[in-house]
Every structure is written in C-alpha cells, then in structure tokens.
Protein backbone atom coordinates (compact mmCIF):
# COMPACT_ATOMS: atom_id res chain seq x y z
CA UNK A 1 0.03 0.05 -0.02
CA UNK A 2 1.62 3.38 -1.09
CA UNK A 3 1.83 6.21 1.20
CA UNK A 4 -0.57 9.01 0.84
CA UNK A 5 -0.97 12.55 2.15
CA UNK A 6 -4.49 12.93 0.84
CA UNK A 7 -6.95 13.83 3.39
CA UNK A 8 -10.53 13.75 3.78
CA UNK A 9 -13.17 16.00 4.93
CA UNK A 10 -13.89 15.14 8.68
CA UNK A 11 -16.47 16.06 11.04
CA UNK A 12 -13.63 17.68 13.23
CA UNK A 13 -9.90 17.99 13.18
CA UNK A 14 -8.04 15.12 14.18
CA UNK A 15 -6.31 15.30 17.42
CA UNK A 16 -8.49 18.29 18.52
CA UNK A 17 -8.20 20.18 22.04
CA UNK A 18 -11.99 20.99 22.01
CA UNK A 19 -13.73 17.65 22.61
CA UNK A 20 -17.48 17.07 23.19
CA UNK A 21 -17.42 17.08 26.83
CA UNK A 22 -13.86 17.99 27.81
CA UNK A 23 -10.99 20.39 26.95
CA UNK A 24 -7.85 18.59 26.48
CA UNK A 25 -5.14 20.52 28.17
CA UNK A 26 -2.27 18.39 27.29
CA UNK A 27 -1.30 14.92 25.97
CA UNK A 28 1.65 12.78 25.07
CA UNK A 29 4.14 14.97 27.45
CA UNK A 30 7.55 13.30 26.76
CA UNK A 31 9.32 14.47 29.85
CA UNK A 32 12.83 13.58 29.91
CA UNK A 33 16.15 13.74 31.91
CA UNK A 34 19.63 12.69 31.20
CA UNK A 35 18.60 9.07 31.49
CA UNK A 36 15.79 9.28 28.88
CA UNK A 37 12.16 9.63 28.89
CA UNK A 38 10.71 9.82 32.30
CA UNK A 39 7.65 7.55 31.37
CA UNK A 40 9.77 4.71 30.22
CA UNK A 41 10.50 4.28 34.15
CA UNK A 42 6.68 3.56 34.82
CA UNK A 43 5.97 1.24 31.79
CA UNK A 44 5.17 -2.47 31.79
CA UNK A 45 8.60 -3.07 30.38
CA UNK A 46 10.12 -1.08 33.35
CA UNK A 47 8.25 -3.14 35.71
CA UNK A 48 9.43 -6.52 34.03
CA UNK A 49 13.15 -5.11 34.08
CA UNK A 50 12.65 -4.58 37.97
CA UNK A 51 11.47 -7.98 38.39
CA UNK A 52 14.56 -9.27 36.43
CA UNK A 53 16.85 -7.23 38.75
CA UNK A 54 15.33 -8.74 41.90
CA UNK A 55 15.78 -12.23 40.35
CA UNK A 56 19.36 -11.81 39.41
CA UNK A 57 20.89 -12.26 43.05
CA UNK A 58 18.79 -15.43 43.50
CA UNK A 59 19.77 -16.92 40.23
CA UNK A 60 23.40 -16.25 40.73
CA UNK A 61 22.97 -18.55 43.74
CA UNK A 62 20.95 -21.06 41.77
CA UNK A 63 17.89 -20.37 43.91
CA UNK A 64 15.56 -18.38 41.48
CA UNK A 65 12.01 -19.46 42.43
CA UNK A 66 10.77 -18.64 39.05
CA UNK A 67 13.05 -21.18 37.36
CA UNK A 68 14.25 -20.60 33.97
CA UNK A 69 11.18 -18.30 32.86
CA UNK A 70 12.08 -15.05 31.38
CA UNK A 71 10.94 -12.06 33.41
CA UNK A 72 9.25 -10.65 30.31
CA UNK A 73 7.13 -13.88 29.75
CA UNK A 74 5.76 -14.11 33.32
CA UNK A 75 2.04 -13.73 33.01
CA UNK A 76 0.13 -11.12 35.01
CA UNK A 77 -1.70 -14.24 36.79
CA UNK A 78 1.61 -15.90 37.65
CA UNK A 79 2.86 -12.92 39.35
CA UNK A 80 -0.51 -12.31 41.20
CA UNK A 81 -0.58 -16.01 42.21
CA UNK A 82 3.03 -15.97 43.67
CA UNK A 83 2.08 -12.57 45.40
CA UNK A 84 -0.98 -14.39 46.86
CA UNK A 85 0.10 -17.90 47.80
CA UNK A 86 3.25 -18.80 46.39
CA UNK A 87 6.90 -19.41 47.52
CA UNK A 88 7.86 -16.88 50.13
CA UNK A 89 11.12 -15.76 48.16
CA UNK A 90 8.95 -15.40 44.82
CA UNK A 91 6.27 -13.38 46.63
CA UNK A 92 9.48 -11.34 48.13
CA UNK A 93 10.44 -10.65 44.41
CA UNK A 94 7.06 -9.52 43.68
CA UNK A 95 6.68 -7.42 46.71
CA UNK A 96 10.19 -5.67 46.03
CA UNK A 97 9.28 -5.04 42.42
CA UNK A 98 5.90 -3.43 43.44
CA UNK A 99 7.61 -1.11 45.86
CA UNK A 100 10.37 -0.05 43.44
CA UNK A 101 7.79 0.45 40.60
CA UNK A 102 5.52 2.44 42.80
CA UNK A 103 8.64 4.92 43.90
CA UNK A 104 9.03 5.36 40.27
CA UNK A 105 5.49 5.97 39.34
CA UNK A 106 5.34 8.37 42.19
CA UNK A 107 8.51 10.15 41.01
CA UNK A 108 7.02 10.35 37.48
CA UNK A 109 3.50 11.74 38.77
CA UNK A 110 5.61 14.55 40.68
CA UNK A 111 7.24 15.69 37.57
CA UNK A 112 3.77 15.61 35.70
CA UNK A 113 2.14 17.63 38.38
CA UNK A 114 4.84 20.41 38.28
CA UNK A 115 4.18 20.84 34.32
CA UNK A 116 1.94 24.04 33.99
CA UNK A 117 -0.79 22.09 31.97
CA UNK A 118 -1.07 19.52 34.72
CA UNK A 119 -1.20 21.86 37.64
CA UNK A 120 -4.27 21.55 39.91
CA UNK A 121 -5.17 17.79 38.72
CA UNK A 122 -7.36 16.31 41.20
CA UNK A 123 -7.28 12.97 39.90
CA UNK A 124 -5.43 10.53 37.88
CA UNK A 125 -7.09 7.49 36.17
CA UNK A 126 -4.92 4.78 35.49
CA UNK A 127 -5.62 2.46 32.34
CA UNK A 128 -3.66 -0.15 30.31
CA UNK A 129 -3.06 -3.71 30.83
CA UNK A 130 -0.97 -3.33 33.90
CA UNK A 131 -3.78 -2.07 36.09
CA UNK A 132 -5.70 -5.21 35.26
CA UNK A 133 -3.78 -7.22 37.93
CA UNK A 134 -3.67 -7.30 41.59
CA UNK A 135 0.18 -6.59 41.10
CA UNK A 136 -0.43 -3.40 39.03
CA UNK A 137 -3.37 -2.37 41.60
CA UNK A 138 -0.98 -2.60 44.47
CA UNK A 139 1.78 -0.60 42.73
CA UNK A 140 -0.54 2.23 41.63
CA UNK A 141 -2.03 2.18 45.26
CA UNK A 142 1.35 2.23 46.93
CA UNK A 143 2.49 5.40 44.61
CA UNK A 144 -0.58 7.22 45.85
CA UNK A 145 0.28 6.64 49.30
CA UNK A 146 3.88 7.79 48.77
CA UNK A 147 2.62 10.99 47.21
CA UNK A 148 0.19 11.69 49.96
CA UNK A 149 2.96 11.15 52.68
CA UNK A 150 4.54 14.03 50.96
CA UNK A 151 1.38 16.05 51.28
CA UNK A 152 0.73 15.88 47.47
CA UNK A 153 -3.08 15.70 47.24
CA UNK A 154 -3.89 13.49 44.38
CA UNK A 155 -6.33 10.55 44.05
CA UNK A 156 -5.56 7.74 41.69
CA UNK A 157 -8.47 5.59 40.32
CA UNK A 158 -8.63 2.67 37.78
CA UNK A 159 -10.44 3.18 34.53
CA UNK A 160 -13.62 1.11 34.90
CA UNK A 161 -13.63 -0.55 31.44
CA UNK A 162 -11.48 -3.65 30.65
CA UNK A 163 -8.25 -2.85 29.11
CA UNK A 164 -9.19 -4.37 25.84
CA UNK A 165 -12.40 -2.37 25.65
CA UNK A 166 -11.58 0.99 27.32
CA UNK A 167 -9.92 2.38 24.08
CA UNK A 168 -12.67 1.35 22.06
CA UNK A 169 -15.35 2.65 24.47
CA UNK A 170 -13.53 5.99 24.41
CA UNK A 171 -13.81 6.49 20.84
CA UNK A 172 -17.57 7.11 21.30
CA UNK A 173 -16.71 10.39 23.22
CA UNK A 174 -14.89 11.73 20.06
CA UNK A 175 -18.05 11.82 18.08
CA UNK A 176 -20.89 14.36 18.27
CA UNK A 177 -24.06 12.83 19.53
CA UNK A 178 -25.78 13.47 15.93
CA UNK A 179 -23.62 10.83 14.30
CA UNK A 180 -25.58 8.12 16.33
CA UNK A 181 -28.85 9.25 15.12
CA UNK A 182 -30.60 6.52 13.28
CA UNK A 183 -27.72 4.16 14.03
CA UNK A 184 -27.05 1.34 16.44
CA UNK A 185 -23.24 1.38 16.61
CA UNK A 186 -19.94 2.72 15.44
CA UNK A 187 -16.54 1.23 14.50
CA UNK A 188 -13.63 1.90 17.01
CA UNK A 189 -9.99 1.25 16.68
CA UNK A 190 -7.29 1.06 19.39
CA UNK A 191 -3.77 1.05 18.33
CA UNK A 192 -0.95 0.31 20.54
CA UNK A 193 2.75 -0.74 20.89
CA UNK A 194 1.85 -4.29 21.37
CA UNK A 195 -1.74 -4.85 20.14
CA UNK A 196 -4.21 -3.45 17.62
CA UNK A 197 -7.86 -3.76 18.38
CA UNK A 198 -10.81 -3.10 16.30
CA UNK A 199 -14.36 -3.33 17.51
CA UNK A 200 -18.02 -2.39 17.27
CA UNK A 201 -19.12 -0.14 20.09
CA UNK A 202 -22.94 0.61 20.87
CA UNK A 203 -23.43 3.80 22.35
CA UNK A 204 -26.66 2.83 24.18
CA UNK A 205 -27.93 6.47 24.37
CA UNK A 206 -31.32 5.24 25.30
CA UNK A 207 -29.86 3.83 28.56
CA UNK A 208 -27.96 6.82 29.23
CA UNK A 209 -27.36 9.95 27.13
CA UNK A 210 -23.91 10.61 28.99
CA UNK A 211 -22.57 7.41 27.41
CA UNK A 212 -21.89 5.83 30.53
CA UNK A 213 -23.65 2.61 29.09
CA UNK A 214 -21.60 2.57 25.97
CA UNK A 215 -20.32 -0.96 25.53
CA UNK A 216 -18.22 -3.12 23.03
CA UNK A 217 -20.51 -5.37 21.14
CA UNK A 218 -17.53 -7.38 19.63
CA UNK A 219 -13.90 -6.76 18.68
CA UNK A 220 -10.88 -8.43 17.18
CA UNK A 221 -7.26 -8.22 18.75
CA UNK A 222 -4.26 -8.52 16.66
CA UNK A 223 -0.93 -8.98 18.64
CA UNK A 224 1.39 -7.25 16.29
CA UNK A 225 4.19 -7.18 18.70
CA UNK A 226 4.81 -10.87 18.05
CA UNK A 227 5.14 -10.68 14.47
CA UNK A 228 6.86 -7.47 13.98
CA UNK A 229 5.14 -6.62 10.51
CA UNK A 230 6.08 -3.46 8.41
CA UNK A 231 3.54 -0.39 8.27
CA UNK A 232 1.90 -1.55 5.01
CA UNK A 233 1.15 -5.08 6.42
CA UNK A 234 -0.05 -3.59 9.68
CA UNK A 235 -2.38 -0.97 7.74
CA UNK A 236 -3.67 -3.79 5.64
CA UNK A 237 -4.47 -6.24 8.64
CA UNK A 238 -6.47 -3.41 10.17
CA UNK A 239 -8.50 -2.82 7.15
CA UNK A 240 -9.33 -6.56 6.96
CA UNK A 241 -10.36 -6.39 10.62
CA UNK A 242 -12.66 -3.59 9.93
CA UNK A 243 -14.15 -4.98 6.98
CA UNK A 244 -14.85 -8.25 8.66
CA UNK A 245 -16.66 -6.22 11.35
CA UNK A 246 -18.60 -4.44 8.87
CA UNK A 247 -19.73 -7.61 7.25
CA UNK A 248 -20.66 -9.06 10.64
CA UNK A 249 -22.69 -6.08 11.80
CA UNK A 250 -24.67 -6.21 8.32
CA UNK A 251 -25.51 -9.83 8.88
CA UNK A 252 -26.75 -9.32 12.33
CA UNK A 253 -28.79 -6.33 11.41
CA UNK A 254 -26.73 -3.86 13.19
CA UNK A 255 -26.82 -0.34 11.66
CA UNK A 256 -23.43 1.17 11.64
CA UNK A 257 -22.79 4.87 11.67
CA UNK A 258 -20.69 5.90 8.85
CA UNK A 259 -17.86 6.75 11.38
CA UNK A 260 -14.51 5.21 12.48
CA UNK A 261 -12.80 6.60 15.39
CA UNK A 262 -9.34 5.89 15.98
CA UNK A 263 -6.79 5.85 19.04
CA UNK A 264 -3.33 5.86 18.23
CA UNK A 265 0.11 6.57 19.90
CA UNK A 266 1.68 9.90 19.14
CA UNK A 267 1.06 13.74 18.64
CA UNK A 268 -1.83 13.72 16.11
CA UNK A 269 -1.71 16.53 13.56
CA UNK A 270 -5.24 18.11 12.44
CA UNK A 271 -4.71 16.34 9.18
CA UNK A 272 -4.45 13.07 10.60
CA UNK A 273 -0.65 12.62 10.19
CA UNK A 274 1.74 11.73 13.35
CA UNK A 275 4.25 14.44 14.30
CA UNK A 276 6.06 12.29 16.89
CA UNK A 277 5.54 9.60 19.80
CA UNK A 278 4.71 6.60 17.70
CA UNK A 279 8.12 4.88 18.02
CA UNK A 280 6.72 1.80 19.31
CA UNK A 281 4.47 1.05 16.22
CA UNK A 282 5.53 -1.19 13.46
CA UNK A 283 7.32 0.64 10.81
CA UNK A 284 7.73 4.41 10.37
CA UNK A 285 4.23 6.08 11.38
CA UNK A 286 5.78 9.64 12.17
CA UNK A 287 5.71 10.98 8.75
CA UNK A 288 3.95 13.80 7.04
CA UNK A 289 4.03 11.46 4.00
CA UNK A 290 1.76 8.96 5.86
CA UNK A 291 -1.96 9.38 6.77
CA UNK A 292 -3.68 6.55 8.24
CA UNK A 293 -7.20 8.09 8.26
CA UNK A 294 -6.72 8.82 4.43
CA UNK A 295 -5.62 5.24 3.83
CA UNK A 296 -8.52 4.06 5.86
CA UNK A 297 -10.89 6.12 3.89
CA UNK A 298 -9.66 4.75 0.64
CA UNK A 299 -10.26 1.32 1.50
CA UNK A 300 -13.55 1.86 3.26
CA UNK A 301 -15.00 4.90 1.46
CA UNK A 302 -18.76 4.20 2.40
CA UNK A 303 -20.48 2.51 5.53
CA UNK A 304 -23.95 1.80 4.40
CA UNK A 305 -25.19 4.53 2.04
CA UNK A 306 -22.94 7.33 3.41
CA UNK A 307 -19.33 8.44 3.12
CA UNK A 308 -17.24 7.25 5.83
CA UNK A 309 -16.24 9.92 8.41
CA UNK A 310 -12.85 9.11 10.21
CA UNK A 311 -11.65 10.74 13.24
CA UNK A 312 -8.39 10.08 15.03
CA UNK A 313 -6.75 11.02 18.35
CA UNK A 314 -4.11 9.86 20.64
CA UNK A 315 -4.55 6.42 22.25
CA UNK A 316 -4.23 7.89 25.96
CA UNK A 317 -6.60 10.52 25.28
CA UNK A 318 -9.11 8.04 23.96
CA UNK A 319 -8.87 5.49 26.80
CA UNK A 320 -9.19 8.35 29.20
CA UNK A 321 -12.21 9.61 27.41
CA UNK A 322 -13.93 6.20 28.33
CA UNK A 323 -13.89 7.43 32.04
CA UNK A 324 -15.55 10.90 31.02
CA UNK A 325 -19.09 10.10 32.53
CA UNK A 326 -17.50 8.96 35.73
CA UNK A 327 -15.26 12.01 36.40
CA UNK A 328 -18.07 14.87 36.92
CA UNK A 329 -17.40 15.21 40.58
CA UNK A 330 -13.92 16.88 39.69
CA UNK A 331 -12.95 19.65 37.43
CA UNK A 332 -9.47 18.79 36.25
CA UNK A 333 -8.30 15.08 35.77
CA UNK A 334 -5.72 13.22 33.91
CA UNK A 335 -4.97 10.00 32.57
CA UNK A 336 -2.09 7.54 32.61
CA UNK A 337 -1.92 4.34 30.28
CA UNK A 338 0.95 1.90 31.76
CA UNK A 339 1.44 -0.27 28.68
CA UNK A 340 4.40 -0.56 26.17
CA UNK A 341 5.07 3.08 27.24
CA UNK A 342 3.42 5.64 29.63
CA UNK A 343 0.57 7.29 27.82
CA UNK A 344 -0.93 10.35 29.31
CA UNK A 345 -3.28 13.26 29.08
CA UNK A 346 -4.96 16.05 31.06
CA UNK A 347 -8.45 17.08 30.66
CA UNK A 348 -10.64 19.95 32.03
CA UNK A 349 -14.47 19.07 32.10
CA UNK A 350 -16.34 21.72 30.06
CA UNK A 351 -18.81 23.88 31.89
CA UNK A 352 -22.47 22.92 31.70
CA UNK A 353 -21.65 19.14 30.80
C-alpha cells in the first residue's frame, strides 16, 4: 500500500483540544532527563526489568524461585498467584518489584504535576493492561500513598472498562451525538505498541445519554508485537479487521454509523498525520507522508449509503475519554496508561456538561 498525504473532510480536526465534553489541556508529554524519557520508568517494560533485577541475585545462587522463565514472559496471573500464595521468596521478589515500581511511578507523577498544563489536577485515572492485575493495583495504590505522605493531594483511580475495551469505548466520546442518530453502533480502533484492536461499540444512548452505558459489542485483537510486521502490512491487517466487522454487523442487522474513530500513539496533527511519539508502532508512522485516516478512507469509502467519516486522536486521550461520565465530581483530571510506554493526557471538564 503506497504512502498517501491525501486527507478527507472530517466532522472535526484530528487530535483536537476541544472535545464534546472536555477540553484537552495536554497529552503525550514526553518529559525527559539525562537518562531518557521519564515515562519509560513507569511502563510495563520497566516493571518487568525491575522483576529481573530482583531475580538476578537469587539466580546467581541457583535459587531463583521462578526457574528459567524469562521475566518478560511471566504472566500477570503468575505474578498475582505468587504474591497471594506462592513461594515466600517469589512473593518477596514481587513485593520488592511493586515497591520499586511504585517509587518510580510516584516520581514520574510528581514531575507531571509540576508541568503547567497538569497543575491543579485532582485525580489521575490509570488504564492499560498493567492495572488489570492485583500486582498493578497494589503498585498504583502504593504510589498514591507515597505521594499523599509528601502532602501531594492527588487521587488515583482505575479506568472502569476492561483494558481491551476502554480504548474502543472512548472512541464514542470523540463523536458528536448526532452521528449516532438512526444508527445502533460505530466502528472503533485502538492501536498500541503491542496490540491493535478493532471493534463495534454500541453507545446505548437510550440507557444513558452521557455514554456511561456505552459498551463493546464485539472486537478483534491482533498482537502485532509478536510478529514484527511493517507499516503496510499492519495497515492492511487493520483494514481486513474493519471489513470483517462491517460484514458481521450487516449480517446481524446492526446499523453502523458511517464513522470510524481511532486511538493511536503519538502527537496527532489536524490532518491525521503523526508528528512524533509513535516510535513503538510497526514501521515508520511519524511522517507527513503517511496518513492513516486517508488510507482507511480509501479502503472503506462508505459505510452503508454514506461516506465514511474518520476521526483520529491519541490513544491515551481516547482511553481516558471512556472515563468521562465517571469524572463529573472533579474539574481537572488526567490519565496514565501503563503499557508499552506511559501514555498520558490531562482534561478539564467543560462547563455545563
């Protein structure tokens, strides 16, 4: 598939700051020091590296309770099980990793709260696969305790939706409500450094007009991180996933809105290109010569009888948007997504919403 810079008319600019229910104050902050990006210290990879460091002294003595299993291959369930009722030394390794990671997360949080756009943040919700484990929850909770012990008043909360679904549900919050009129669902895409998800989301506005009842009807997941494809192959696979979902919705009698919402890592330009921050994606996505929205429109020009509208934003922004209905008791809030990297965004609720 050739590169393209051709863009199509959209219902709003890609990567917009003014969203239906919130103002986006900041996203994809890439805070750094002499050792690199700070967010890399509070990522899933960082946690696995910490586990590996705590295993090494025992391994050198021939007493590693995890045996030969690589640290980056230990499942979340395995770590949770060891923490709950495993070998005491294995549980000790996990406890030590939780504490060290919590210290790093607290330090990263302090730096974010010092950024002008993040000042006066009242709550940070945490998403990504890391939070979907007891180990992750304890590390996040410990970081919150460390910050409050320093008199830093900030609450941590967990994104309510499953990590496989939060980024898809959040897409519904990108679209103006009129896009749903006469339709039952929309297509959503969540692109990450390890996985690409595509799904059908029902807004369920009759149950709740604030999208608090929005839900994923079905989705497909492709773990591209295991296959190391190029950019062209990745986009072609995504197109195939969307076409299958469209066909299935048609067979089920589900009326799809002519809309595809996309969450993708990086700084998203108004034309849909990616300026920076997509280094973990397969191939080179950070280029004015590549436009994912245009490529998808070319492959799927219509949904039903109407031209396809495609709207793209940062993946952490979109995942955070899924939490919007449940954040109405604060004015300013942020999101961290702990995954391949540390995604981040800061929001202010719009007055009157």
